[in-house]
Amino acid sequence: MTDRACPLGEGAKPDERALWAAVEAGEWPRDAAARLGIPRRRLEYLCAKWGRRDIYNWGVTIDLGWCTR
């Protein structure tokens, strides 16, 4: 990750932190989740959660989005 503070908060689980780090580094969430072994439903939940926090956005497909901060 970068030197900026993590926007996920203290309650984020390790899989969420790992996924965020990968997405922030430029990897597609779908590819990162597959590599990390995160189930698709969990991936979609995390992407939607990040979207509600305005730190993530997507065009058509929720698991092919990008960081907005």
N, C-alpha and C. Protein backbone atom coordinates (compact mmCIF):
# COMPACT_ATOMS: atom_id res chain seq x y z
N MET A 1 0.83 -1.19 0.00
CA MET A 1 0.00 0.00 0.00
C MET A 1 0.87 1.25 0.00
N THR A 2 0.25 2.34 -0.17
CA THR A 2 0.97 3.60 -0.18
C THR A 2 1.17 4.08 1.24
N ASP A 3 1.80 5.24 1.40
CA ASP A 3 2.07 5.78 2.72
C ASP A 3 0.85 6.45 3.35
N ARG A 4 -0.24 6.58 2.59
CA ARG A 4 -1.47 7.16 3.13
C ARG A 4 -2.13 6.19 4.09
N ALA A 5 -2.91 6.71 5.01
CA ALA A 5 -3.63 5.87 5.96
C ALA A 5 -4.65 5.01 5.22
N CYS A 6 -4.83 3.80 5.70
CA CYS A 6 -5.80 2.88 5.11
C CYS A 6 -7.21 3.37 5.40
N PRO A 7 -8.05 3.52 4.38
CA PRO A 7 -9.41 4.04 4.59
C PRO A 7 -10.39 3.00 5.11
N LEU A 8 -9.94 1.78 5.34
CA LEU A 8 -10.86 0.70 5.72
C LEU A 8 -11.26 0.73 7.18
N GLY A 9 -10.45 1.31 8.03
CA GLY A 9 -10.77 1.36 9.44
C GLY A 9 -10.17 0.19 10.20
N GLU A 10 -10.28 0.26 11.50
CA GLU A 10 -9.68 -0.74 12.38
C GLU A 10 -10.38 -2.09 12.32
N GLY A 11 -11.66 -2.12 11.99
CA GLY A 11 -12.43 -3.35 12.00
C GLY A 11 -12.30 -4.21 10.76
N ALA A 12 -11.50 -3.80 9.80
CA ALA A 12 -11.37 -4.55 8.55
C ALA A 12 -10.65 -5.88 8.79
N LYS A 13 -11.18 -6.93 8.19
CA LYS A 13 -10.58 -8.25 8.32
C LYS A 13 -9.36 -8.35 7.40
N PRO A 14 -8.48 -9.32 7.68
CA PRO A 14 -7.26 -9.47 6.87
C PRO A 14 -7.51 -9.65 5.38
N ASP A 15 -8.58 -10.40 5.01
CA ASP A 15 -8.84 -10.59 3.58
C ASP A 15 -9.25 -9.28 2.91
N GLU A 16 -9.99 -8.45 3.64
CA GLU A 16 -10.39 -7.15 3.09
C GLU A 16 -9.18 -6.25 2.92
N ARG A 17 -8.29 -6.24 3.89
CA ARG A 17 -7.08 -5.43 3.80
C ARG A 17 -6.20 -5.87 2.63
N ALA A 18 -6.05 -7.19 2.46
CA ALA A 18 -5.24 -7.71 1.36
C ALA A 18 -5.85 -7.36 0.01
N LEU A 19 -7.16 -7.48 -0.09
CA LEU A 19 -7.85 -7.14 -1.34
C LEU A 19 -7.70 -5.66 -1.64
N TRP A 20 -7.88 -4.81 -0.63
CA TRP A 20 -7.75 -3.37 -0.83
C TRP A 20 -6.35 -3.02 -1.31
N ALA A 21 -5.34 -3.62 -0.69
CA ALA A 21 -3.95 -3.35 -1.09
C ALA A 21 -3.73 -3.70 -2.56
N ALA A 22 -4.29 -4.83 -2.99
CA ALA A 22 -4.13 -5.24 -4.39
C ALA A 22 -4.85 -4.30 -5.33
N VAL A 23 -6.07 -3.90 -4.98
CA VAL A 23 -6.84 -3.00 -5.84
C VAL A 23 -6.18 -1.63 -5.89
N GLU A 24 -5.70 -1.17 -4.76
CA GLU A 24 -5.02 0.13 -4.72
C GLU A 24 -3.73 0.11 -5.54
N ALA A 25 -3.11 -1.06 -5.63
CA ALA A 25 -1.89 -1.20 -6.43
C ALA A 25 -2.18 -1.34 -7.92
N GLY A 26 -3.46 -1.45 -8.29
CA GLY A 26 -3.81 -1.48 -9.71
C GLY A 26 -4.34 -2.81 -10.23
N GLU A 27 -4.46 -3.80 -9.38
CA GLU A 27 -4.98 -5.10 -9.81
C GLU A 27 -6.51 -5.06 -9.83
N TRP A 28 -7.12 -5.75 -10.79
CA TRP A 28 -8.57 -5.83 -10.83
C TRP A 28 -9.05 -6.59 -9.60
N PRO A 29 -10.12 -6.15 -8.96
CA PRO A 29 -10.64 -6.86 -7.78
C PRO A 29 -10.94 -8.33 -8.07
N ARG A 30 -11.49 -8.62 -9.23
CA ARG A 30 -11.83 -10.00 -9.59
C ARG A 30 -10.58 -10.88 -9.60
N ASP A 31 -9.51 -10.39 -10.20
CA ASP A 31 -8.26 -11.15 -10.27
C ASP A 31 -7.62 -11.29 -8.90
N ALA A 32 -7.64 -10.20 -8.13
CA ALA A 32 -7.05 -10.24 -6.79
C ALA A 32 -7.79 -11.20 -5.89
N ALA A 33 -9.11 -11.21 -5.96
CA ALA A 33 -9.91 -12.11 -5.13
C ALA A 33 -9.63 -13.57 -5.49
N ALA A 34 -9.51 -13.86 -6.76
CA ALA A 34 -9.20 -15.22 -7.18
C ALA A 34 -7.83 -15.64 -6.65
N ARG A 35 -6.86 -14.76 -6.73
CA ARG A 35 -5.52 -15.05 -6.24
C ARG A 35 -5.50 -15.24 -4.73
N LEU A 36 -6.30 -14.45 -4.02
CA LEU A 36 -6.33 -14.49 -2.55
C LEU A 36 -7.30 -15.55 -2.01
N GLY A 37 -8.10 -16.14 -2.87
CA GLY A 37 -9.05 -17.15 -2.43
C GLY A 37 -10.30 -16.58 -1.77
N ILE A 38 -10.68 -15.37 -2.15
CA ILE A 38 -11.87 -14.73 -1.59
C ILE A 38 -13.08 -15.13 -2.45
N PRO A 39 -14.13 -15.67 -1.83
CA PRO A 39 -15.32 -16.07 -2.60
C PRO A 39 -15.97 -14.87 -3.31
N ARG A 40 -16.62 -15.16 -4.42
CA ARG A 40 -17.23 -14.11 -5.24
C ARG A 40 -18.25 -13.26 -4.47
N ARG A 41 -19.08 -13.88 -3.66
CA ARG A 41 -20.10 -13.12 -2.90
C ARG A 41 -19.43 -12.18 -1.90
N ARG A 42 -18.35 -12.62 -1.28
CA ARG A 42 -17.61 -11.77 -0.34
C ARG A 42 -16.99 -10.61 -1.12
N LEU A 43 -16.43 -10.89 -2.27
CA LEU A 43 -15.85 -9.85 -3.11
C LEU A 43 -16.89 -8.80 -3.47
N GLU A 44 -18.05 -9.22 -3.90
CA GLU A 44 -19.10 -8.27 -4.27
C GLU A 44 -19.56 -7.46 -3.07
N TYR A 45 -19.66 -8.09 -1.91
CA TYR A 45 -20.03 -7.38 -0.69
C TYR A 45 -19.00 -6.30 -0.36
N LEU A 46 -17.71 -6.65 -0.42
CA LEU A 46 -16.66 -5.68 -0.10
C LEU A 46 -16.65 -4.52 -1.09
N CYS A 47 -16.81 -4.81 -2.37
CA CYS A 47 -16.83 -3.75 -3.38
C CYS A 47 -18.00 -2.80 -3.14
N ALA A 48 -19.17 -3.35 -2.82
CA ALA A 48 -20.33 -2.50 -2.54
C ALA A 48 -20.11 -1.67 -1.28
N LYS A 49 -19.52 -2.26 -0.27
CA LYS A 49 -19.21 -1.56 0.98
C LYS A 49 -18.26 -0.39 0.71
N TRP A 50 -17.23 -0.64 -0.07
CA TRP A 50 -16.28 0.43 -0.41
C TRP A 50 -16.96 1.51 -1.23
N GLY A 51 -17.87 1.11 -2.11
CA GLY A 51 -18.61 2.07 -2.91
C GLY A 51 -19.46 2.99 -2.04
N ARG A 52 -20.09 2.43 -1.01
CA ARG A 52 -20.89 3.25 -0.09
C ARG A 52 -20.01 4.24 0.68
N ARG A 53 -18.75 3.91 0.85
CA ARG A 53 -17.80 4.80 1.56
C ARG A 53 -17.13 5.79 0.61
N ASP A 54 -17.47 5.73 -0.67
CA ASP A 54 -16.89 6.60 -1.71
C ASP A 54 -15.38 6.46 -1.84
N ILE A 55 -14.87 5.24 -1.65
CA ILE A 55 -13.45 4.98 -1.87
C ILE A 55 -13.24 4.03 -3.05
N TYR A 56 -14.35 3.61 -3.68
CA TYR A 56 -14.31 2.66 -4.79
C TYR A 56 -15.46 2.98 -5.74
N ASN A 57 -15.21 2.77 -7.02
CA ASN A 57 -16.25 3.01 -8.02
C ASN A 57 -16.12 1.96 -9.11
N TRP A 58 -17.22 1.71 -9.81
CA TRP A 58 -17.23 0.77 -10.92
C TRP A 58 -18.15 1.29 -12.00
N GLY A 59 -17.94 0.81 -13.18
CA GLY A 59 -18.78 1.22 -14.30
C GLY A 59 -19.99 0.32 -14.42
N VAL A 60 -19.82 -0.85 -15.01
CA VAL A 60 -20.92 -1.77 -15.25
C VAL A 60 -20.85 -2.98 -14.31
N THR A 61 -19.67 -3.47 -14.06
CA THR A 61 -19.48 -4.68 -13.27
C THR A 61 -18.80 -4.35 -11.95
N ILE A 62 -19.45 -4.68 -10.85
CA ILE A 62 -18.98 -4.29 -9.55
C ILE A 62 -17.58 -4.80 -9.22
N ASP A 63 -17.22 -5.98 -9.70
CA ASP A 63 -15.92 -6.54 -9.35
C ASP A 63 -14.82 -6.19 -10.35
N LEU A 64 -15.08 -5.22 -11.20
CA LEU A 64 -14.06 -4.70 -12.12
C LEU A 64 -13.97 -3.18 -11.97
N GLY A 65 -13.89 -2.73 -10.73
CA GLY A 65 -13.84 -1.31 -10.44
C GLY A 65 -12.45 -0.84 -10.07
N TRP A 66 -12.38 0.35 -9.47
CA TRP A 66 -11.11 0.98 -9.15
C TRP A 66 -11.24 1.84 -7.89
N CYS A 67 -10.11 2.14 -7.29
CA CYS A 67 -10.06 3.01 -6.11
C CYS A 67 -10.30 4.44 -6.54
N THR A 68 -11.01 5.19 -5.72
CA THR A 68 -11.28 6.58 -6.07
C THR A 68 -10.58 7.57 -5.15
N ARG A 69 -9.73 7.11 -4.30
CA ARG A 69 -9.01 8.04 -3.42
C ARG A 69 -7.54 8.02 -3.70
